[in-house]
C-alpha atoms as a PDB file:
ATOM      1  CA  MET A   1     -18.557 -40.338  -7.472  1.00  0.00           C
ATOM      2  CA  THR A   2     -19.585 -38.226  -4.449  1.00  0.00           C
ATOM      3  CA  GLN A   3     -21.423 -40.235  -1.664  1.00  0.00           C
ATOM      4  CA  GLU A   4     -24.193 -37.745  -2.246  1.00  0.00           C
ATOM      5  CA  HIS A   5     -24.204 -38.328  -5.705  1.00  0.00           C
ATOM      6  CA  ALA A   6     -24.326 -42.106  -5.226  1.00  0.00           C
ATOM      7  CA  VAL A   7     -27.179 -41.916  -2.854  1.00  0.00           C
ATOM      8  CA  ASN A   8     -29.110 -39.731  -5.650  1.00  0.00           C
ATOM      9  CA  THR A   9     -28.250 -42.319  -8.293  1.00  0.00           C
ATOM     10  CA  LEU A  10     -29.536 -45.081  -6.242  1.00  0.00           C
ATOM     11  CA  ILE A  11     -32.913 -43.259  -5.710  1.00  0.00           C
ATOM     12  CA  HIS A  12     -33.484 -43.214  -9.555  1.00  0.00           C
ATOM     13  CA  MET A  13     -32.194 -46.805  -9.988  1.00  0.00           C
ATOM     14  CA  PRO A  14     -34.451 -49.292 -11.673  1.00  0.00           C
ATOM     15  CA  ILE A  15     -36.474 -51.442  -9.266  1.00  0.00           C
ATOM     16  CA  ASP A  16     -34.913 -54.461 -11.138  1.00  0.00           C
ATOM     17  CA  LEU A  17     -31.373 -53.197 -10.327  1.00  0.00           C
ATOM     18  CA  ILE A  18     -29.596 -53.355  -6.842  1.00  0.00           C
ATOM     19  CA  ARG A  19     -26.073 -52.376  -5.550  1.00  0.00           C
ATOM     20  CA  ALA A  20     -24.480 -55.892  -4.448  1.00  0.00           C
ATOM     21  CA  PHE A  21     -21.333 -57.757  -4.037  1.00  0.00           C
ATOM     22  CA  PHE A  22     -20.100 -61.398  -2.970  1.00  0.00           C
ATOM     23  CA  ALA A  23     -18.090 -61.446   0.297  1.00  0.00           C
ATOM     24  CA  ILE A  24     -17.018 -63.521   3.262  1.00  0.00           C
ATOM     25  CA  GLU A  25     -18.400 -62.637   6.445  1.00  0.00           C
ATOM     26  CA  LEU A  26     -16.115 -63.340   9.625  1.00  0.00           C
ATOM     27  CA  PRO A  27     -17.378 -64.852  12.874  1.00  0.00           C
ATOM     28  CA  THR A  28     -18.593 -62.320  15.484  1.00  0.00           C
ATOM     29  CA  SER A  29     -15.497 -63.474  17.818  1.00  0.00           C
ATOM     30  CA  THR A  30     -13.121 -62.825  15.116  1.00  0.00           C
ATOM     31  CA  LEU A  31     -14.365 -59.401  14.347  1.00  0.00           C
ATOM     32  CA  GLN A  32     -14.217 -58.627  18.157  1.00  0.00           C
ATOM     33  CA  GLN A  33     -10.812 -59.520  18.332  1.00  0.00           C
ATOM     34  CA  ILE A  34     -10.111 -57.514  15.406  1.00  0.00           C
ATOM     35  CA  GLU A  35     -11.739 -54.576  17.193  1.00  0.00           C
ATOM     36  CA  ASN A  36      -9.542 -54.905  20.178  1.00  0.00           C
ATOM     37  CA  GLU A  37      -6.682 -55.441  18.055  1.00  0.00           C
ATOM     38  CA  ILE A  38      -6.692 -52.158  16.306  1.00  0.00           C
ATOM     39  CA  TYR A  39      -8.016 -50.123  19.474  1.00  0.00           C
ATOM     40  CA  GLY A  40      -4.458 -48.642  20.202  1.00  0.00           C
ATOM     41  CA  LEU A  41      -3.945 -47.602  16.363  1.00  0.00           C
ATOM     42  CA  LYS A  42      -7.661 -45.843  16.526  1.00  0.00           C
ATOM     43  CA  LYS A  43      -6.657 -44.011  19.873  1.00  0.00           C
ATOM     44  CA  SER A  44      -3.584 -42.703  17.988  1.00  0.00           C
ATOM     45  CA  ILE A  45      -5.177 -41.457  15.140  1.00  0.00           C
ATOM     46  CA  PRO A  46      -8.783 -40.548  16.404  1.00  0.00           C
ATOM     47  CA  HIS A  47     -10.169 -38.307  13.620  1.00  0.00           C
ATOM     48  CA  LYS A  48      -8.024 -38.696  10.635  1.00  0.00           C
ATOM     49  CA  ILE A  49      -9.329 -42.008   9.554  1.00  0.00           C
ATOM     50  CA  LYS A  50     -12.894 -43.144   9.006  1.00  0.00           C
ATOM     51  CA  TRP A  51     -12.997 -46.286  10.825  1.00  0.00           C
ATOM     52  CA  VAL A  52     -15.239 -49.186   9.303  1.00  0.00           C
ATOM     53  CA  ASN A  53     -17.787 -50.366  11.911  1.00  0.00           C
ATOM     54  CA  ILE A  54     -17.130 -53.768  13.256  1.00  0.00           C
ATOM     55  CA  SER A  55     -20.649 -54.843  12.025  1.00  0.00           C
ATOM     56  CA  SER A  56     -19.654 -53.777   8.498  1.00  0.00           C
ATOM     57  CA  MET A  57     -16.312 -55.542   8.178  1.00  0.00           C
ATOM     58  CA  HIS A  58     -16.180 -58.438   5.595  1.00  0.00           C
ATOM     59  CA  ILE A  59     -13.768 -59.782   3.000  1.00  0.00           C
ATOM     60  CA  THR A  60     -15.277 -58.621  -0.339  1.00  0.00           C
ATOM     61  CA  LEU A  61     -14.699 -61.428  -3.215  1.00  0.00           C
ATOM     62  CA  LYS A  62     -16.376 -59.617  -6.172  1.00  0.00           C
ATOM     63  CA  PHE A  63     -18.120 -56.347  -6.320  1.00  0.00           C
ATOM     64  CA  ILE A  64     -20.855 -56.391  -8.755  1.00  0.00           C
ATOM     65  CA  GLY A  65     -22.189 -52.652  -8.771  1.00  0.00           C
ATOM     66  CA  GLU A  66     -25.671 -52.763 -10.445  1.00  0.00           C
ATOM     67  CA  PHE A  67     -27.015 -56.268 -10.159  1.00  0.00           C
ATOM     68  CA  LYS A  68     -30.100 -57.463 -12.116  1.00  0.00           C
ATOM     69  CA  LEU A  69     -32.671 -59.187  -9.806  1.00  0.00           C
ATOM     70  CA  ASN A  70     -33.717 -61.745 -12.444  1.00  0.00           C
ATOM     71  CA  HIS A  71     -30.073 -63.188 -12.301  1.00  0.00           C
ATOM     72  CA  ASN A  72     -30.694 -64.037  -8.452  1.00  0.00           C
ATOM     73  CA  ASN A  73     -31.815 -67.296  -8.573  1.00  0.00           C
ATOM     74  CA  LEU A  74     -29.816 -68.491 -11.790  1.00  0.00           C
ATOM     75  CA  ILE A  75     -26.380 -67.347 -10.113  1.00  0.00           C
ATOM     76  CA  LYS A  76     -27.375 -68.707  -6.879  1.00  0.00           C
ATOM     77  CA  ARG A  77     -28.152 -72.024  -8.453  1.00  0.00           C
ATOM     78  CA  ASP A  78     -24.930 -72.085 -10.389  1.00  0.00           C
ATOM     79  CA  LEU A  79     -22.846 -71.438  -7.367  1.00  0.00           C
ATOM     80  CA  GLN A  80     -24.278 -74.059  -5.101  1.00  0.00           C
ATOM     81  CA  LYS A  81     -23.578 -76.591  -7.827  1.00  0.00           C
ATOM     82  CA  ASN A  82     -19.795 -75.328  -8.393  1.00  0.00           C
ATOM     83  CA  LEU A  83     -19.087 -74.851  -4.599  1.00  0.00           C
ATOM     84  CA  TYR A  84     -20.480 -77.904  -3.422  1.00  0.00           C
ATOM     85  CA  GLY A  85     -17.717 -79.749  -1.529  1.00  0.00           C
ATOM     86  CA  LEU A  86     -15.161 -77.136  -1.511  1.00  0.00           C
ATOM     87  CA  GLY A  87     -14.799 -77.598   2.162  1.00  0.00           C
ATOM     88  CA  GLU A  88     -13.996 -75.189   5.146  1.00  0.00           C
ATOM     89  CA  ILE A  89     -11.314 -72.404   4.811  1.00  0.00           C
ATOM     90  CA  GLU A  90      -9.046 -71.453   7.388  1.00  0.00           C
ATOM     91  CA  ILE A  91      -8.153 -67.808   7.206  1.00  0.00           C
ATOM     92  CA  SER A  92      -5.225 -66.371   9.171  1.00  0.00           C
ATOM     93  CA  PHE A  93      -4.332 -62.699   9.563  1.00  0.00           C
ATOM     94  CA  LYS A  94      -1.168 -60.647   9.105  1.00  0.00           C
ATOM     95  CA  LYS A  95       0.179 -57.219   9.629  1.00  0.00           C
ATOM     96  CA  ILE A  96      -1.999 -53.997   9.151  1.00  0.00           C
ATOM     97  CA  ARG A  97      -1.139 -52.238   5.864  1.00  0.00           C
ATOM     98  CA  SER A  98      -2.347 -49.023   3.610  1.00  0.00           C
ATOM     99  CA  PHE A  99      -3.073 -48.736   0.217  1.00  0.00           C
ATOM    100  CA  PRO A 100      -1.449 -47.510  -2.091  1.00  0.00           C
ATOM    101  CA  ASN A 101       1.484 -47.142   0.117  1.00  0.00           C
ATOM    102  CA  LEU A 102       2.763 -45.892   3.568  1.00  0.00           C
ATOM    103  CA  SER A 103       3.867 -42.344   2.070  1.00  0.00           C
ATOM    104  CA  ASN A 104       0.434 -41.533   0.993  1.00  0.00           C
ATOM    105  CA  PRO A 105      -2.123 -43.890   2.520  1.00  0.00           C
ATOM    106  CA  ARG A 106      -5.632 -43.836   1.609  1.00  0.00           C
ATOM    107  CA  VAL A 107      -6.972 -47.290   2.698  1.00  0.00           C
ATOM    108  CA  VAL A 108      -6.163 -49.254   5.906  1.00  0.00           C
ATOM    109  CA  TRP A 109      -6.462 -52.782   5.752  1.00  0.00           C
ATOM    110  CA  ILE A 110      -5.298 -56.115   7.322  1.00  0.00           C
ATOM    111  CA  GLY A 111      -3.752 -58.691   5.083  1.00  0.00           C
ATOM    112  CA  MET A 112      -4.539 -62.383   5.312  1.00  0.00           C
ATOM    113  CA  ASN A 113      -3.226 -65.713   3.699  1.00  0.00           C
ATOM    114  CA  SER A 114      -4.218 -66.890   0.488  1.00  0.00           C
ATOM    115  CA  PRO A 115      -5.139 -70.672   0.728  1.00  0.00           C
ATOM    116  CA  SER A 116      -5.882 -72.247  -2.444  1.00  0.00           C
ATOM    117  CA  GLN A 117      -9.455 -72.842  -1.645  1.00  0.00           C
ATOM    118  CA  LEU A 118     -10.029 -69.098  -1.094  1.00  0.00           C
ATOM    119  CA  LEU A 119      -8.362 -68.341  -4.469  1.00  0.00           C
ATOM    120  CA  ARG A 120     -10.349 -71.001  -6.203  1.00  0.00           C
ATOM    121  CA  LEU A 121     -13.796 -69.455  -4.500  1.00  0.00           C
ATOM    122  CA  ALA A 122     -12.914 -65.980  -5.648  1.00  0.00           C
ATOM    123  CA  HIS A 123     -12.116 -67.419  -9.023  1.00  0.00           C
ATOM    124  CA  THR A 124     -15.398 -69.452  -9.190  1.00  0.00           C
ATOM    125  CA  VAL A 125     -17.310 -66.628  -8.332  1.00  0.00           C
ATOM    126  CA  ASP A 126     -15.674 -64.269 -11.061  1.00  0.00           C
ATOM    127  CA  PHE A 127     -16.304 -66.991 -13.528  1.00  0.00           C
ATOM    128  CA  ILE A 128     -19.756 -67.742 -12.933  1.00  0.00           C
ATOM    129  CA  VAL A 129     -21.135 -64.045 -12.743  1.00  0.00           C
ATOM    130  CA  ASN A 130     -19.184 -63.329 -15.959  1.00  0.00           C
ATOM    131  CA  ASN A 131     -21.493 -65.937 -17.584  1.00  0.00           C
ATOM    132  CA  TYR A 132     -24.382 -63.286 -16.987  1.00  0.00           C
ATOM    133  CA  GLY A 133     -22.587 -60.277 -18.313  1.00  0.00           C
ATOM    134  CA  TYR A 134     -20.889 -58.888 -15.457  1.00  0.00           C
ATOM    135  CA  PRO A 135     -16.991 -57.923 -16.157  1.00  0.00           C
ATOM    136  CA  ARG A 136     -14.182 -60.353 -15.162  1.00  0.00           C
ATOM    137  CA  GLU A 137     -11.776 -58.857 -12.276  1.00  0.00           C
ATOM    138  CA  LYS A 138      -8.691 -57.231 -14.194  1.00  0.00           C
ATOM    139  CA  ARG A 139      -6.427 -57.994 -11.069  1.00  0.00           C
ATOM    140  CA  ASP A 140      -5.582 -61.112  -9.062  1.00  0.00           C
ATOM    141  CA  PHE A 141      -7.587 -61.519  -5.987  1.00  0.00           C
ATOM    142  CA  SER A 142      -5.895 -60.322  -3.113  1.00  0.00           C
ATOM    143  CA  PRO A 143      -7.624 -61.174   0.239  1.00  0.00           C
ATOM    144  CA  HIS A 144      -7.674 -58.368   2.885  1.00  0.00           C
ATOM    145  CA  LEU A 145      -9.994 -56.937   5.353  1.00  0.00           C
ATOM    146  CA  THR A 146     -10.857 -53.211   5.232  1.00  0.00           C
ATOM    147  CA  ILE A 147     -10.852 -51.462   8.431  1.00  0.00           C
ATOM    148  CA  GLY A 148     -10.753 -47.731   7.789  1.00  0.00           C
ATOM    149  CA  ARG A 149     -10.150 -44.958   5.099  1.00  0.00           C
ATOM    150  CA  ILE A 150      -8.080 -41.725   5.537  1.00  0.00           C
ATOM    151  CA  ARG A 151     -10.327 -38.688   5.222  1.00  0.00           C
ATOM    152  CA  LYS A 152      -9.558 -36.903   2.121  1.00  0.00           C
ATOM    153  CA  ALA A 153      -9.113 -33.486   3.360  1.00  0.00           C
ATOM    154  CA  ILE A 154      -5.921 -34.664   5.562  1.00  0.00           C
ATOM    155  CA  PRO A 155      -2.851 -33.025   3.842  1.00  0.00           C
ATOM    156  CA  LYS A 156       0.217 -35.024   2.334  1.00  0.00           C
ATOM    157  CA  LYS A 157       2.469 -34.448   5.373  1.00  0.00           C
ATOM    158  CA  GLU A 158      -0.201 -35.561   7.774  1.00  0.00           C
ATOM    159  CA  ARG A 159      -0.815 -38.714   5.572  1.00  0.00           C
ATOM    160  CA  GLU A 160       2.920 -39.459   5.747  1.00  0.00           C
ATOM    161  CA  ILE A 161       2.789 -39.560   9.477  1.00  0.00           C
ATOM    162  CA  ILE A 162      -0.315 -41.651   9.486  1.00  0.00           C
ATOM    163  CA  GLY A 163       1.755 -44.131   7.088  1.00  0.00           C
ATOM    164  CA  GLN A 164       4.365 -44.075   9.733  1.00  0.00           C
ATOM    165  CA  SER A 165       2.122 -45.139  12.702  1.00  0.00           C
ATOM    166  CA  ILE A 166       0.401 -47.777  10.569  1.00  0.00           C
ATOM    167  CA  GLY A 167       3.992 -49.140   9.370  1.00  0.00           C
ATOM    168  CA  ASN A 168       5.116 -49.191  13.083  1.00  0.00           C
ATOM    169  CA  TYR A 169       2.221 -51.145  14.326  1.00  0.00           C
ATOM    170  CA  ARG A 170       2.818 -54.515  15.279  1.00  0.00           C
ATOM    171  CA  ASN A 171       1.433 -58.019  13.438  1.00  0.00           C
ATOM    172  CA  THR A 172      -1.824 -58.432  14.287  1.00  0.00           C
ATOM    173  CA  GLU A 173      -2.519 -61.256  16.735  1.00  0.00           C
ATOM    174  CA  VAL A 174      -5.933 -62.184  15.777  1.00  0.00           C
ATOM    175  CA  ASP A 175      -6.528 -66.213  16.152  1.00  0.00           C
ATOM    176  CA  PRO A 176      -7.149 -67.732  12.696  1.00  0.00           C
ATOM    177  CA  CYS A 177     -10.993 -68.600  11.936  1.00  0.00           C
ATOM    178  CA  THR A 178     -12.659 -70.974   9.569  1.00  0.00           C
ATOM    179  CA  ILE A 179     -15.212 -69.811   7.161  1.00  0.00           C
ATOM    180  CA  ASP A 180     -17.514 -72.174   5.517  1.00  0.00           C
ATOM    181  CA  LYS A 181     -20.067 -70.003   3.524  1.00  0.00           C
ATOM    182  CA  LEU A 182     -20.289 -67.332   0.720  1.00  0.00           C
ATOM    183  CA  SER A 183     -22.667 -64.441   1.080  1.00  0.00           C
ATOM    184  CA  PHE A 184     -24.243 -62.390  -1.366  1.00  0.00           C
ATOM    185  CA  ILE A 185     -24.882 -58.691   0.064  1.00  0.00           C
ATOM    186  CA  LYS A 186     -27.101 -55.987  -1.016  1.00  0.00           C
ATOM    187  CA  SER A 187     -25.954 -52.518  -0.208  1.00  0.00           C
ATOM    188  CA  ILE A 188     -27.770 -49.203   0.039  1.00  0.00           C
ATOM    189  CA  LEU A 189     -25.682 -46.075   0.305  1.00  0.00           C
ATOM    190  CA  THR A 190     -26.950 -43.323   2.662  1.00  0.00           C
ATOM    191  CA  PRO A 191     -25.104 -40.248   3.759  1.00  0.00           C
ATOM    192  CA  LYS A 192     -24.186 -42.124   7.209  1.00  0.00           C
ATOM    193  CA  GLY A 193     -22.591 -44.956   5.277  1.00  0.00           C
ATOM    194  CA  PRO A 194     -23.813 -47.980   3.494  1.00  0.00           C
ATOM    195  CA  ILE A 195     -26.443 -50.296   5.029  1.00  0.00           C
ATOM    196  CA  TYR A 196     -25.743 -53.814   4.084  1.00  0.00           C
ATOM    197  CA  SER A 197     -28.212 -56.889   3.994  1.00  0.00           C
ATOM    198  CA  THR A 198     -27.286 -60.493   3.234  1.00  0.00           C
ATOM    199  CA  LEU A 199     -29.745 -61.874   0.451  1.00  0.00           C
ATOM    200  CA  PHE A 200     -28.489 -65.203   0.355  1.00  0.00           C
ATOM    201  CA  GLU A 201     -25.649 -67.449   1.618  1.00  0.00           C
ATOM    202  CA  ILE A 202     -24.148 -70.631  -0.224  1.00  0.00           C
ATOM    203  CA  PRO A 203     -22.460 -73.214   2.359  1.00  0.00           C
ATOM    204  CA  PHE A 204     -19.427 -75.131   0.945  1.00  0.00           C
END
């Protein structure tokens, strides 16, 4: 689906449906470190990657798609009950990588560790929303932070060079951070990119 088509689709979306997802929002200080860390990579590949704005960076736990607003309070209640006492989760960052591989990169992301609490958080969200008819994830949760997407018009040869630049980039030197809440975020697609607004947060 093209971005234009997606925007047109949302214009005609019933008022009781929104496009939304569950995510972890990182501290501002961590995001600023990430911005500083990838500065050199952005300078070396200035126009071939559409970089994610620092204010839009987040760790997606569960993308819902079309969400029914009448489920909002019910799911919030269930999550509050099941996440109570989970405790703070420490996140540490690894090397910059690309999906699906370095030979034909399409998405640039930063890997991170997978503490048991984070996996439990993702599993709990997936389980609870499935109770309301939203499909379970088919793949195991793999935490990562998307930082850019290679533009579609870039030919394969150039993609290989971009992949080499990403592969040669040093390990990230971003300090570990602690997260203590889950965010439910509404997404509105526009020609200039998505606009995010946090509908509710659940501390744990």
